Amino acid sequence: RDVVARVSSVEYVAAWVKAGVMIREALSADSPHAFMLVSAGKGLAFQRRLASGGLSTSTGGGAGTAPAWLKLERRANTISAYRSLDGVAWTLVASDTFAMGPDVYVGLAVSSHDDTRLATATFDGVTVR
């Protein structure tokens, strides 16, 4: 599965408000997942948890904020994260190997990074293949 979206805006509630595309094994909070994101004030990043209950890790994807094109590509057990300015020319941020089954959840994600506040993001150009 691949998921692509343009994050056209991210509300600045905190610097680490983030929005992007996600692939995850389950809907539980500690599920393995891959998340290519753009933040409101900390740039782009590829965040992931490789195993259920494991630690999350992150690879910086450079400076920037919305609008930004983001993509996750899954090939067997490898998920690769990309960023783009135009949705045509893609730059690899990082890849990693996940122990996910064949059936996964694919979609859009937003986090305010503050349990007391909500954040809003706007997406367009969304495709799931």
N, C-alpha and C. Protein backbone atom coordinates (compact mmCIF):
# COMPACT_ATOMS: atom_id res chain seq x y z
N ARG A 1 0.83 -1.20 0.00
CA ARG A 1 0.00 0.00 0.00
C ARG A 1 0.87 1.25 0.00
N ASP A 2 0.42 2.26 -0.70
CA ASP A 2 1.05 3.58 -0.71
C ASP A 2 -0.01 4.60 -0.32
N VAL A 3 0.40 5.63 0.37
CA VAL A 3 -0.50 6.74 0.68
C VAL A 3 0.25 8.04 0.41
N VAL A 4 -0.43 8.95 -0.28
CA VAL A 4 0.13 10.25 -0.65
C VAL A 4 -0.88 11.32 -0.26
N ALA A 5 -0.41 12.44 0.24
CA ALA A 5 -1.29 13.58 0.51
C ALA A 5 -0.47 14.85 0.55
N ARG A 6 -1.13 15.94 0.25
CA ARG A 6 -0.54 17.26 0.46
C ARG A 6 -1.18 17.84 1.71
N VAL A 7 -0.34 18.18 2.67
CA VAL A 7 -0.83 18.90 3.85
C VAL A 7 -0.79 20.37 3.47
N SER A 8 -1.97 20.96 3.27
CA SER A 8 -2.00 22.35 2.80
C SER A 8 -1.91 23.35 3.94
N SER A 9 -2.31 22.94 5.16
CA SER A 9 -2.16 23.83 6.31
C SER A 9 -2.13 23.01 7.60
N VAL A 10 -1.41 23.54 8.59
CA VAL A 10 -1.35 22.96 9.93
C VAL A 10 -1.51 24.11 10.92
N GLU A 11 -2.51 24.00 11.78
CA GLU A 11 -2.73 25.03 12.80
C GLU A 11 -1.60 25.01 13.83
N TYR A 12 -1.08 26.19 14.16
CA TYR A 12 0.01 26.30 15.13
C TYR A 12 -0.57 26.42 16.54
N VAL A 13 -0.74 25.27 17.20
CA VAL A 13 -1.14 25.22 18.61
C VAL A 13 0.11 25.10 19.47
N ALA A 14 1.09 24.38 18.95
CA ALA A 14 2.40 24.19 19.57
C ALA A 14 3.36 23.86 18.44
N ALA A 15 4.65 24.00 18.68
CA ALA A 15 5.63 23.77 17.61
C ALA A 15 5.57 22.35 17.06
N TRP A 16 5.24 21.36 17.91
CA TRP A 16 5.20 19.97 17.46
C TRP A 16 3.82 19.50 17.04
N VAL A 17 2.88 20.43 16.77
CA VAL A 17 1.64 20.01 16.10
C VAL A 17 2.07 19.36 14.80
N LYS A 18 1.51 18.19 14.49
CA LYS A 18 1.96 17.50 13.28
C LYS A 18 0.80 16.89 12.54
N ALA A 19 0.97 16.82 11.23
CA ALA A 19 -0.04 16.24 10.35
C ALA A 19 0.67 15.50 9.24
N GLY A 20 0.08 14.39 8.80
CA GLY A 20 0.72 13.66 7.72
C GLY A 20 0.01 12.38 7.37
N VAL A 21 0.75 11.49 6.72
CA VAL A 21 0.23 10.21 6.27
C VAL A 21 0.77 9.10 7.17
N MET A 22 -0.09 8.10 7.41
CA MET A 22 0.28 7.05 8.36
C MET A 22 -0.14 5.68 7.84
N ILE A 23 0.71 4.69 8.13
CA ILE A 23 0.39 3.28 7.97
C ILE A 23 0.60 2.67 9.35
N ARG A 24 -0.42 1.93 9.85
CA ARG A 24 -0.26 1.31 11.17
C ARG A 24 -0.91 -0.06 11.19
N GLU A 25 -0.37 -0.92 12.05
CA GLU A 25 -0.86 -2.29 12.13
C GLU A 25 -2.21 -2.39 12.81
N ALA A 26 -2.44 -1.59 13.85
CA ALA A 26 -3.69 -1.63 14.61
C ALA A 26 -4.00 -0.21 15.09
N LEU A 27 -5.17 -0.05 15.70
CA LEU A 27 -5.57 1.27 16.18
C LEU A 27 -5.20 1.51 17.64
N SER A 28 -4.55 0.55 18.28
CA SER A 28 -4.10 0.73 19.65
C SER A 28 -2.96 1.76 19.70
N ALA A 29 -2.84 2.44 20.84
CA ALA A 29 -1.85 3.51 20.98
C ALA A 29 -0.42 3.04 20.80
N ASP A 30 -0.13 1.78 21.13
CA ASP A 30 1.26 1.28 21.06
C ASP A 30 1.53 0.43 19.82
N SER A 31 0.68 0.56 18.81
CA SER A 31 0.80 -0.23 17.58
C SER A 31 2.02 0.17 16.76
N PRO A 32 2.64 -0.81 16.07
CA PRO A 32 3.66 -0.45 15.09
C PRO A 32 3.06 0.50 14.04
N HIS A 33 3.82 1.52 13.66
CA HIS A 33 3.30 2.47 12.68
C HIS A 33 4.45 3.21 11.99
N ALA A 34 4.11 3.78 10.84
CA ALA A 34 4.99 4.67 10.10
C ALA A 34 4.21 5.96 9.86
N PHE A 35 4.83 7.11 10.12
CA PHE A 35 4.16 8.40 10.06
C PHE A 35 5.10 9.41 9.42
N MET A 36 4.81 9.81 8.18
CA MET A 36 5.56 10.88 7.53
C MET A 36 4.79 12.15 7.77
N LEU A 37 5.44 13.13 8.41
CA LEU A 37 4.70 14.28 8.91
C LEU A 37 5.38 15.59 8.59
N VAL A 38 4.56 16.64 8.62
CA VAL A 38 5.04 18.01 8.63
C VAL A 38 4.51 18.63 9.91
N SER A 39 5.37 19.36 10.62
CA SER A 39 4.96 19.98 11.88
C SER A 39 4.70 21.47 11.68
N ALA A 40 4.10 22.07 12.69
CA ALA A 40 3.80 23.50 12.61
C ALA A 40 5.05 24.35 12.78
N GLY A 41 6.06 23.83 13.51
CA GLY A 41 7.23 24.66 13.75
C GLY A 41 8.55 23.93 13.88
N LYS A 42 8.57 22.62 13.62
CA LYS A 42 9.79 21.83 13.80
C LYS A 42 10.22 21.08 12.54
N GLY A 43 9.66 21.42 11.40
CA GLY A 43 10.06 20.79 10.16
C GLY A 43 9.33 19.49 9.85
N LEU A 44 9.93 18.70 8.97
CA LEU A 44 9.35 17.43 8.55
C LEU A 44 10.10 16.29 9.22
N ALA A 45 9.42 15.13 9.34
CA ALA A 45 10.06 13.98 9.98
C ALA A 45 9.36 12.69 9.59
N PHE A 46 10.10 11.60 9.69
CA PHE A 46 9.56 10.24 9.56
C PHE A 46 9.62 9.62 10.95
N GLN A 47 8.46 9.48 11.59
CA GLN A 47 8.38 8.85 12.90
C GLN A 47 7.86 7.43 12.71
N ARG A 48 8.38 6.51 13.55
CA ARG A 48 7.89 5.14 13.45
C ARG A 48 8.14 4.36 14.73
N ARG A 49 7.30 3.32 14.88
CA ARG A 49 7.46 2.32 15.93
C ARG A 49 7.48 0.98 15.22
N LEU A 50 8.57 0.25 15.34
CA LEU A 50 8.76 -0.98 14.58
C LEU A 50 8.05 -2.18 15.17
N ALA A 51 7.84 -2.19 16.48
CA ALA A 51 7.23 -3.34 17.14
C ALA A 51 6.20 -2.86 18.15
N SER A 52 5.19 -3.67 18.39
CA SER A 52 4.14 -3.33 19.34
C SER A 52 4.73 -3.03 20.72
N GLY A 53 4.38 -1.88 21.27
CA GLY A 53 4.87 -1.48 22.57
C GLY A 53 6.29 -0.95 22.59
N GLY A 54 6.95 -0.92 21.44
CA GLY A 54 8.33 -0.46 21.36
C GLY A 54 8.44 1.05 21.41
N LEU A 55 9.66 1.51 21.41
CA LEU A 55 9.92 2.94 21.40
C LEU A 55 9.70 3.51 20.00
N SER A 56 9.24 4.75 19.94
CA SER A 56 9.14 5.45 18.66
C SER A 56 10.48 6.09 18.35
N THR A 57 10.85 6.08 17.08
CA THR A 57 12.06 6.74 16.63
C THR A 57 11.69 7.73 15.53
N SER A 58 12.60 8.63 15.23
CA SER A 58 12.32 9.68 14.26
C SER A 58 13.56 10.01 13.45
N THR A 59 13.36 10.28 12.17
CA THR A 59 14.40 10.78 11.29
C THR A 59 13.94 12.13 10.75
N GLY A 60 14.73 13.16 10.94
CA GLY A 60 14.38 14.48 10.44
C GLY A 60 14.30 14.50 8.93
N GLY A 61 13.31 15.23 8.42
CA GLY A 61 13.11 15.33 6.98
C GLY A 61 13.41 16.71 6.44
N GLY A 62 14.08 17.54 7.25
CA GLY A 62 14.44 18.87 6.79
C GLY A 62 13.49 19.94 7.31
N ALA A 63 13.87 21.18 7.06
CA ALA A 63 13.08 22.32 7.49
C ALA A 63 11.85 22.46 6.61
N GLY A 64 10.87 23.17 7.12
CA GLY A 64 9.68 23.45 6.33
C GLY A 64 8.42 23.27 7.12
N THR A 65 7.34 23.75 6.55
CA THR A 65 6.02 23.56 7.11
C THR A 65 5.05 23.44 5.95
N ALA A 66 3.77 23.38 6.25
CA ALA A 66 2.77 23.25 5.19
C ALA A 66 2.78 24.52 4.33
N PRO A 67 2.49 24.37 3.05
CA PRO A 67 2.09 23.13 2.36
C PRO A 67 3.29 22.22 2.05
N ALA A 68 3.03 20.92 2.15
CA ALA A 68 4.05 19.92 1.84
C ALA A 68 3.39 18.64 1.37
N TRP A 69 3.96 18.03 0.35
CA TRP A 69 3.52 16.72 -0.12
C TRP A 69 4.27 15.65 0.65
N LEU A 70 3.55 14.62 1.09
CA LEU A 70 4.12 13.53 1.88
C LEU A 70 3.69 12.20 1.29
N LYS A 71 4.57 11.20 1.40
CA LYS A 71 4.24 9.88 0.85
C LYS A 71 4.88 8.78 1.69
N LEU A 72 4.13 7.69 1.88
CA LEU A 72 4.66 6.45 2.43
C LEU A 72 4.45 5.36 1.41
N GLU A 73 5.48 4.58 1.13
CA GLU A 73 5.41 3.43 0.22
C GLU A 73 5.73 2.17 1.00
N ARG A 74 4.84 1.19 0.90
CA ARG A 74 5.11 -0.10 1.56
C ARG A 74 5.39 -1.14 0.49
N ARG A 75 6.55 -1.79 0.61
CA ARG A 75 6.94 -2.89 -0.26
C ARG A 75 7.35 -4.03 0.65
N ALA A 76 6.51 -5.07 0.73
CA ALA A 76 6.74 -6.20 1.65
C ALA A 76 6.83 -5.64 3.07
N ASN A 77 7.95 -5.83 3.75
CA ASN A 77 8.09 -5.36 5.13
C ASN A 77 8.81 -4.02 5.23
N THR A 78 9.13 -3.39 4.10
CA THR A 78 9.84 -2.11 4.11
C THR A 78 8.87 -0.97 3.83
N ILE A 79 8.93 0.05 4.67
CA ILE A 79 8.16 1.28 4.44
C ILE A 79 9.15 2.42 4.25
N SER A 80 8.98 3.15 3.15
CA SER A 80 9.84 4.29 2.82
C SER A 80 9.02 5.57 2.90
N ALA A 81 9.62 6.62 3.44
CA ALA A 81 8.96 7.91 3.62
C ALA A 81 9.60 8.94 2.71
N TYR A 82 8.76 9.75 2.06
CA TYR A 82 9.22 10.75 1.11
C TYR A 82 8.56 12.09 1.38
N ARG A 83 9.23 13.15 0.90
CA ARG A 83 8.68 14.50 0.90
C ARG A 83 8.81 15.08 -0.50
N SER A 84 7.98 16.08 -0.81
CA SER A 84 8.03 16.71 -2.12
C SER A 84 7.48 18.12 -2.03
N LEU A 85 7.99 18.98 -2.89
CA LEU A 85 7.45 20.34 -3.00
C LEU A 85 6.27 20.41 -3.95
N ASP A 86 6.26 19.49 -4.95
CA ASP A 86 5.25 19.58 -6.01
C ASP A 86 4.42 18.32 -6.21
N GLY A 87 4.67 17.25 -5.47
CA GLY A 87 3.93 16.01 -5.65
C GLY A 87 4.39 15.20 -6.85
N VAL A 88 5.47 15.63 -7.50
CA VAL A 88 6.01 14.93 -8.68
C VAL A 88 7.42 14.42 -8.40
N ALA A 89 8.31 15.32 -8.00
CA ALA A 89 9.70 14.95 -7.68
C ALA A 89 9.79 14.67 -6.18
N TRP A 90 10.13 13.43 -5.81
CA TRP A 90 10.13 12.99 -4.42
C TRP A 90 11.55 12.83 -3.88
N THR A 91 11.74 13.20 -2.61
CA THR A 91 13.00 13.03 -1.90
C THR A 91 12.80 12.02 -0.78
N LEU A 92 13.63 10.96 -0.77
CA LEU A 92 13.55 9.96 0.29
C LEU A 92 14.03 10.57 1.60
N VAL A 93 13.24 10.40 2.66
CA VAL A 93 13.63 10.82 4.01
C VAL A 93 14.30 9.66 4.73
N ALA A 94 13.67 8.49 4.71
CA ALA A 94 14.24 7.29 5.34
C ALA A 94 13.36 6.09 5.02
N SER A 95 13.91 4.90 5.23
CA SER A 95 13.17 3.64 5.10
C SER A 95 13.46 2.80 6.33
N ASP A 96 12.53 1.89 6.66
CA ASP A 96 12.76 0.98 7.77
C ASP A 96 11.97 -0.29 7.53
N THR A 97 12.33 -1.33 8.28
CA THR A 97 11.70 -2.64 8.17
C THR A 97 10.74 -2.84 9.33
N PHE A 98 9.52 -3.23 9.01
CA PHE A 98 8.46 -3.39 10.00
C PHE A 98 7.97 -4.84 10.01
N ALA A 99 7.54 -5.31 11.16
CA ALA A 99 6.95 -6.64 11.29
C ALA A 99 5.44 -6.50 11.34
N MET A 100 4.85 -5.98 10.26
CA MET A 100 3.40 -5.82 10.17
C MET A 100 2.83 -6.91 9.28
N GLY A 101 1.61 -7.32 9.58
CA GLY A 101 0.92 -8.28 8.74
C GLY A 101 0.49 -7.63 7.44
N PRO A 102 -0.17 -8.41 6.57
CA PRO A 102 -0.57 -7.88 5.27
C PRO A 102 -1.71 -6.86 5.35
N ASP A 103 -2.55 -6.94 6.37
CA ASP A 103 -3.67 -6.02 6.52
C ASP A 103 -3.30 -4.91 7.49
N VAL A 104 -3.33 -3.68 7.01
CA VAL A 104 -2.93 -2.53 7.82
C VAL A 104 -3.94 -1.40 7.65
N TYR A 105 -3.86 -0.43 8.52
CA TYR A 105 -4.65 0.79 8.42
C TYR A 105 -3.79 1.84 7.72
N VAL A 106 -4.39 2.54 6.75
CA VAL A 106 -3.69 3.56 5.97
C VAL A 106 -4.54 4.82 5.97
N GLY A 107 -3.93 5.97 6.25
CA GLY A 107 -4.72 7.18 6.23
C GLY A 107 -3.96 8.42 6.63
N LEU A 108 -4.73 9.39 7.13
CA LEU A 108 -4.22 10.70 7.52
C LEU A 108 -4.22 10.80 9.04
N ALA A 109 -3.27 11.55 9.59
CA ALA A 109 -3.18 11.69 11.04
C ALA A 109 -2.82 13.12 11.41
N VAL A 110 -3.36 13.57 12.54
CA VAL A 110 -3.07 14.89 13.08
C VAL A 110 -2.88 14.74 14.59
N SER A 111 -1.89 15.40 15.15
CA SER A 111 -1.66 15.40 16.60
C SER A 111 -1.37 16.82 17.06
N SER A 112 -2.05 17.25 18.12
CA SER A 112 -1.80 18.59 18.66
C SER A 112 -0.56 18.63 19.55
N HIS A 113 -0.09 17.47 19.98
CA HIS A 113 1.06 17.35 20.89
C HIS A 113 0.77 18.02 22.24
N ASP A 114 -0.53 18.21 22.54
CA ASP A 114 -0.96 18.83 23.80
C ASP A 114 -2.32 18.23 24.14
N ASP A 115 -2.38 17.44 25.21
CA ASP A 115 -3.61 16.75 25.57
C ASP A 115 -4.77 17.68 25.90
N THR A 116 -4.50 18.96 26.13
CA THR A 116 -5.55 19.89 26.51
C THR A 116 -6.07 20.73 25.34
N ARG A 117 -5.47 20.57 24.15
CA ARG A 117 -5.86 21.40 23.01
C ARG A 117 -6.01 20.56 21.75
N LEU A 118 -6.90 20.98 20.88
CA LEU A 118 -7.07 20.35 19.58
C LEU A 118 -6.31 21.15 18.53
N ALA A 119 -5.96 20.48 17.45
CA ALA A 119 -5.30 21.14 16.32
C ALA A 119 -6.03 20.73 15.04
N THR A 120 -5.94 21.56 14.04
CA THR A 120 -6.59 21.31 12.76
C THR A 120 -5.55 21.33 11.65
N ALA A 121 -5.70 20.41 10.72
CA ALA A 121 -4.87 20.40 9.51
C ALA A 121 -5.79 20.20 8.32
N THR A 122 -5.37 20.70 7.18
CA THR A 122 -6.13 20.55 5.94
C THR A 122 -5.29 19.75 4.95
N PHE A 123 -5.92 18.75 4.32
CA PHE A 123 -5.26 17.88 3.36
C PHE A 123 -5.96 17.99 2.01
N ASP A 124 -5.20 17.77 0.93
CA ASP A 124 -5.78 17.58 -0.39
C ASP A 124 -4.87 16.65 -1.18
N GLY A 125 -5.27 16.30 -2.38
CA GLY A 125 -4.46 15.43 -3.22
C GLY A 125 -4.24 14.05 -2.63
N VAL A 126 -5.18 13.56 -1.85
CA VAL A 126 -5.01 12.28 -1.14
C VAL A 126 -5.25 11.11 -2.08
N THR A 127 -4.29 10.18 -2.11
CA THR A 127 -4.47 8.93 -2.85
C THR A 127 -3.95 7.77 -2.00
N VAL A 128 -4.64 6.65 -2.09
CA VAL A 128 -4.22 5.41 -1.45
C VAL A 128 -4.23 4.35 -2.54
N ARG A 129 -3.08 3.68 -2.71
CA ARG A 129 -2.99 2.63 -3.73
C ARG A 129 -2.57 1.34 -3.09
